[in-house]
Amino acid sequence: MEQPQVHRRALGKLVKVLLRGGGDIGAALDGTDQFLIESFTETRRPVLGICRGLQFLNVALGGNLYQDLEEQ
């Protein structure tokens, strides 16, 4: 995955990250969210997901997600 424009020094100073709610997975910010999840899990720092953020965290770590239950 291509690395988003995240300032390395700022990323190193963060101690935890909050993934916020929002639209469906597949949006423009997914690359940044994926990069943050990978960076934080590699360094064993806490990640908290709220609503869409929790769904994205699940998918990023290998879980499943049904975006439209009626279609499933």
Protein backbone atom coordinates (compact mmCIF):
# COMPACT_ATOMS: atom_id res chain seq x y z
CA MET A 1 0.00 0.00 0.00
CA GLU A 2 1.23 3.47 -0.85
CA GLN A 3 2.17 5.51 2.20
CA PRO A 4 0.02 8.64 2.68
CA GLN A 5 1.59 12.02 3.37
CA VAL A 6 1.96 11.68 7.15
CA HIS A 7 4.75 13.57 8.84
CA ARG A 8 7.01 10.89 10.41
CA ARG A 9 7.97 13.02 13.42
CA ALA A 10 4.32 13.78 14.24
CA LEU A 11 3.35 10.11 13.81
CA GLY A 12 6.08 9.07 16.24
CA LYS A 13 4.75 11.43 18.91
CA LEU A 14 1.20 10.10 18.81
CA VAL A 15 0.40 7.67 21.63
CA LYS A 16 -3.05 6.57 20.47
CA VAL A 17 -5.41 7.08 17.54
CA LEU A 18 -9.17 7.45 17.25
CA LEU A 19 -10.83 6.34 14.02
CA ARG A 20 -14.02 8.37 13.67
CA GLY A 21 -17.38 7.60 12.16
CA GLY A 22 -18.30 8.57 8.64
CA GLY A 23 -19.41 7.21 5.31
CA ASP A 24 -19.09 3.74 3.86
CA ILE A 25 -15.74 2.02 3.68
CA GLY A 26 -14.15 2.69 0.31
CA ALA A 27 -13.83 6.46 0.79
CA ALA A 28 -10.81 8.69 0.16
CA LEU A 29 -9.50 8.54 3.77
CA ASP A 30 -9.23 4.75 3.84
CA GLY A 31 -5.56 4.81 2.83
CA THR A 32 -4.66 7.06 5.75
CA ASP A 33 -6.74 5.00 8.17
CA GLN A 34 -5.09 1.80 6.94
CA PHE A 35 -1.63 3.34 7.33
CA LEU A 36 -2.42 4.49 10.88
CA ILE A 37 -3.77 1.07 11.86
CA GLU A 38 -0.69 -0.67 10.48
CA SER A 39 1.69 1.80 12.15
CA PHE A 40 -0.05 1.62 15.50
CA THR A 41 -0.52 -2.15 15.64
CA GLU A 42 3.13 -2.72 14.64
CA THR A 43 4.27 -0.57 17.56
CA ARG A 44 1.58 -1.90 19.93
CA ARG A 45 -0.06 1.50 20.46
CA PRO A 46 -3.82 1.71 21.15
CA VAL A 47 -6.38 2.24 18.39
CA LEU A 48 -10.04 3.05 19.13
CA GLY A 49 -12.71 2.90 16.46
CA ILE A 50 -16.15 4.52 16.72
CA CYS A 51 -18.91 3.38 14.37
CA ARG A 52 -17.33 3.33 10.89
CA GLY A 53 -13.89 3.48 12.52
CA LEU A 54 -14.57 0.20 14.34
CA GLN A 55 -15.83 -1.39 11.13
CA PHE A 56 -12.71 -0.27 9.28
CA LEU A 57 -10.48 -1.54 12.09
CA ASN A 58 -12.20 -4.93 11.81
CA VAL A 59 -11.64 -5.08 8.03
CA ALA A 60 -8.05 -3.84 8.26
CA LEU A 61 -7.23 -6.62 10.71
CA GLY A 62 -8.74 -9.32 8.49
CA GLY A 63 -12.38 -9.36 9.58
CA ASN A 64 -15.50 -9.46 7.41
CA LEU A 65 -18.01 -6.70 6.79
CA TYR A 66 -21.42 -6.81 5.11
CA GLN A 67 -22.15 -3.27 3.95
CA ASP A 68 -25.66 -4.11 2.80
CA LEU A 69 -27.40 -6.83 4.80
CA GLU A 70 -30.32 -7.01 2.40
CA GLU A 71 -27.95 -7.94 -0.45
CA GLN A 72 -26.33 -10.64 1.69
